[in-house]
Amino acid sequence: MGLIVSEVYDALIEAGTSPEKATAAAAAVPLAENVATKDDIARIDANIAGIRAEMATKDDIAGIRADIARIDASMATKQDLAEASMVAKQNLDESNLAIKRQMTKIEKDIAVLKLAVFGGGSIMMGALGTLLKLALFP
């Protein structure tokens, strides 16, 4: 048997109830410290309302997911960066090859000019003069 409320038991005995019935009835009444008051319930309701106000709704979560999806869509992946790097390397290699070809052509032209100026004598000078006339005065 649980605790009994002595005030209830005493009142029932004084009203003429048998001790067994008074004990049973007093044991059925909850102790005051175990009973919530209207103020307790109002405070709990207020706490619940505050918690609900702070909770994210389904719409809030959907909006956050949409924001994340937009961010994900705008981010470059490792594969995107690798592809861009490969394209940049190919472009650089092609530029370097074109520069080497131009340098080789310039070196050949300089060699021809050196031969014409320093190694060919008067025949080469005449040919060089003709070449220069053609190049400068078409």
Protein backbone atom coordinates (compact mmCIF):
# COMPACT_ATOMS: atom_id res chain seq x y z
CA MET A 1 0.00 0.00 0.00
CA GLY A 2 1.20 3.52 -0.87
CA LEU A 3 1.36 6.61 1.23
CA ILE A 4 -1.90 7.98 2.55
CA VAL A 5 -3.01 11.56 2.97
CA SER A 6 -3.51 11.80 6.71
CA GLU A 7 -5.85 14.78 6.48
CA VAL A 8 -8.22 12.80 4.22
CA TYR A 9 -8.00 9.72 6.46
CA ASP A 10 -8.77 11.77 9.60
CA ALA A 11 -11.70 13.50 7.91
CA LEU A 12 -13.19 10.20 6.75
CA ILE A 13 -12.83 8.61 10.19
CA GLU A 14 -14.46 11.66 11.79
CA ALA A 15 -17.30 11.35 9.27
CA GLY A 16 -17.89 7.79 10.44
CA THR A 17 -16.18 5.73 7.74
CA SER A 18 -14.56 2.48 8.78
CA PRO A 19 -10.76 2.57 9.19
CA GLU A 20 -10.29 0.14 6.25
CA LYS A 21 -12.37 2.29 3.88
CA ALA A 22 -10.77 5.50 5.18
CA THR A 23 -7.30 4.04 4.59
CA ALA A 24 -8.19 2.89 1.08
CA ALA A 25 -9.72 6.24 0.17
CA ALA A 26 -6.82 8.24 1.66
CA ALA A 27 -4.33 6.06 -0.23
CA ALA A 28 -6.18 6.74 -3.51
CA VAL A 29 -5.74 10.51 -3.14
CA PRO A 30 -2.37 11.63 -4.58
CA LEU A 31 0.05 13.55 -2.38
CA ALA A 32 0.04 17.31 -2.99
CA GLU A 33 3.67 17.40 -4.17
CA ASN A 34 2.79 14.87 -6.90
CA VAL A 35 -0.10 16.89 -8.32
CA ALA A 36 0.38 19.58 -10.99
CA THR A 37 -1.30 22.90 -10.42
CA LYS A 38 -2.85 25.14 -13.08
CA ASP A 39 0.27 27.30 -12.87
CA ASP A 40 2.47 24.24 -13.47
CA ILE A 41 0.44 23.31 -16.54
CA ALA A 42 0.48 26.90 -17.84
CA ARG A 43 4.28 27.03 -17.42
CA ILE A 44 4.67 23.72 -19.27
CA ASP A 45 2.37 24.95 -22.07
CA ALA A 46 4.43 28.14 -22.35
CA ASN A 47 7.66 26.11 -22.54
CA ILE A 48 6.18 23.89 -25.26
CA ALA A 49 5.03 26.95 -27.23
CA GLY A 50 8.54 28.43 -26.96
CA ILE A 51 10.12 25.21 -28.15
CA ARG A 52 7.71 24.95 -31.07
CA ALA A 53 8.48 28.55 -32.04
CA GLU A 54 12.19 27.69 -32.20
CA MET A 55 11.73 24.46 -34.14
CA ALA A 56 12.34 24.34 -37.87
CA THR A 57 9.29 23.61 -39.96
CA LYS A 58 9.19 21.34 -42.99
CA ASP A 59 9.26 24.48 -45.15
CA ASP A 60 12.37 25.71 -43.31
CA ILE A 61 14.11 22.40 -43.91
CA ALA A 62 13.05 22.37 -47.57
CA GLY A 63 14.47 25.89 -47.97
CA ILE A 64 17.76 24.87 -46.37
CA ARG A 65 17.98 21.83 -48.65
CA ALA A 66 17.33 24.03 -51.68
CA ASP A 67 20.09 26.41 -50.57
CA ILE A 68 22.51 23.50 -50.19
CA ALA A 69 21.57 22.18 -53.63
CA ARG A 70 22.25 25.61 -55.19
CA ILE A 71 25.63 25.77 -53.47
CA ASP A 72 26.49 22.23 -54.57
CA ALA A 73 25.52 23.04 -58.16
CA SER A 74 27.80 26.08 -58.25
CA MET A 75 30.84 24.35 -56.77
CA ALA A 76 33.58 22.94 -58.97
CA THR A 77 34.32 19.29 -58.44
CA LYS A 78 37.77 17.73 -58.37
CA GLN A 79 37.02 16.32 -61.80
CA ASP A 80 36.14 19.81 -63.12
CA LEU A 81 39.43 21.17 -61.77
CA ALA A 82 41.41 18.24 -63.21
CA GLU A 83 39.82 18.76 -66.65
CA ALA A 84 40.53 22.50 -66.56
CA SER A 85 44.12 21.81 -65.54
CA MET A 86 44.54 19.33 -68.39
CA VAL A 87 43.17 21.82 -70.94
CA ALA A 88 45.47 24.55 -69.60
CA LYS A 89 48.48 22.20 -69.83
CA GLN A 90 47.58 21.26 -73.42
CA ASN A 91 47.27 24.93 -74.36
CA LEU A 92 50.61 25.69 -72.74
CA ASP A 93 52.28 22.75 -74.52
CA GLU A 94 50.86 23.92 -77.87
CA SER A 95 52.09 27.48 -77.23
CA ASN A 96 55.56 26.24 -76.29
CA LEU A 97 55.70 24.10 -79.45
CA ALA A 98 54.66 27.07 -81.62
CA ILE A 99 57.35 29.24 -79.97
CA LYS A 100 60.00 26.55 -80.58
CA ARG A 101 58.99 26.34 -84.25
CA GLN A 102 59.25 30.11 -84.62
CA MET A 103 62.63 30.16 -82.86
CA THR A 104 63.92 27.39 -85.15
CA LYS A 105 62.77 29.36 -88.20
CA ILE A 106 64.42 32.54 -86.91
CA GLU A 107 67.67 30.66 -86.18
CA LYS A 108 67.68 29.24 -89.73
CA ASP A 109 67.05 32.69 -91.19
CA ILE A 110 69.94 34.12 -89.14
CA ALA A 111 72.22 31.29 -90.29
CA VAL A 112 71.36 32.03 -93.93
CA LEU A 113 72.03 35.73 -93.41
CA LYS A 114 75.37 35.01 -91.69
CA LEU A 115 76.40 32.74 -94.53
CA ALA A 116 75.40 35.32 -97.08
CA VAL A 117 77.17 38.17 -95.30
CA PHE A 118 80.30 36.46 -94.04
CA GLY A 119 80.86 33.35 -96.09
CA GLY A 120 79.67 33.69 -99.62
CA GLY A 121 81.74 36.45 -101.07
CA SER A 122 80.55 38.64 -103.89
CA ILE A 123 78.17 36.08 -105.37
CA MET A 124 76.37 35.77 -102.04
CA MET A 125 76.31 39.52 -101.60
CA GLY A 126 74.56 39.88 -104.92
CA ALA A 127 72.07 37.21 -103.98
CA LEU A 128 71.55 38.84 -100.60
CA GLY A 129 70.98 42.18 -102.23
CA THR A 130 68.38 40.61 -104.52
CA LEU A 131 66.69 38.90 -101.56
CA LEU A 132 66.62 42.15 -99.59
CA LYS A 133 65.15 44.04 -102.53
CA LEU A 134 62.45 41.42 -102.92
CA ALA A 135 61.72 41.37 -99.21
CA LEU A 136 61.73 45.13 -98.65
CA PHE A 137 60.40 46.37 -101.99
CA PRO A 138 57.96 43.86 -103.42
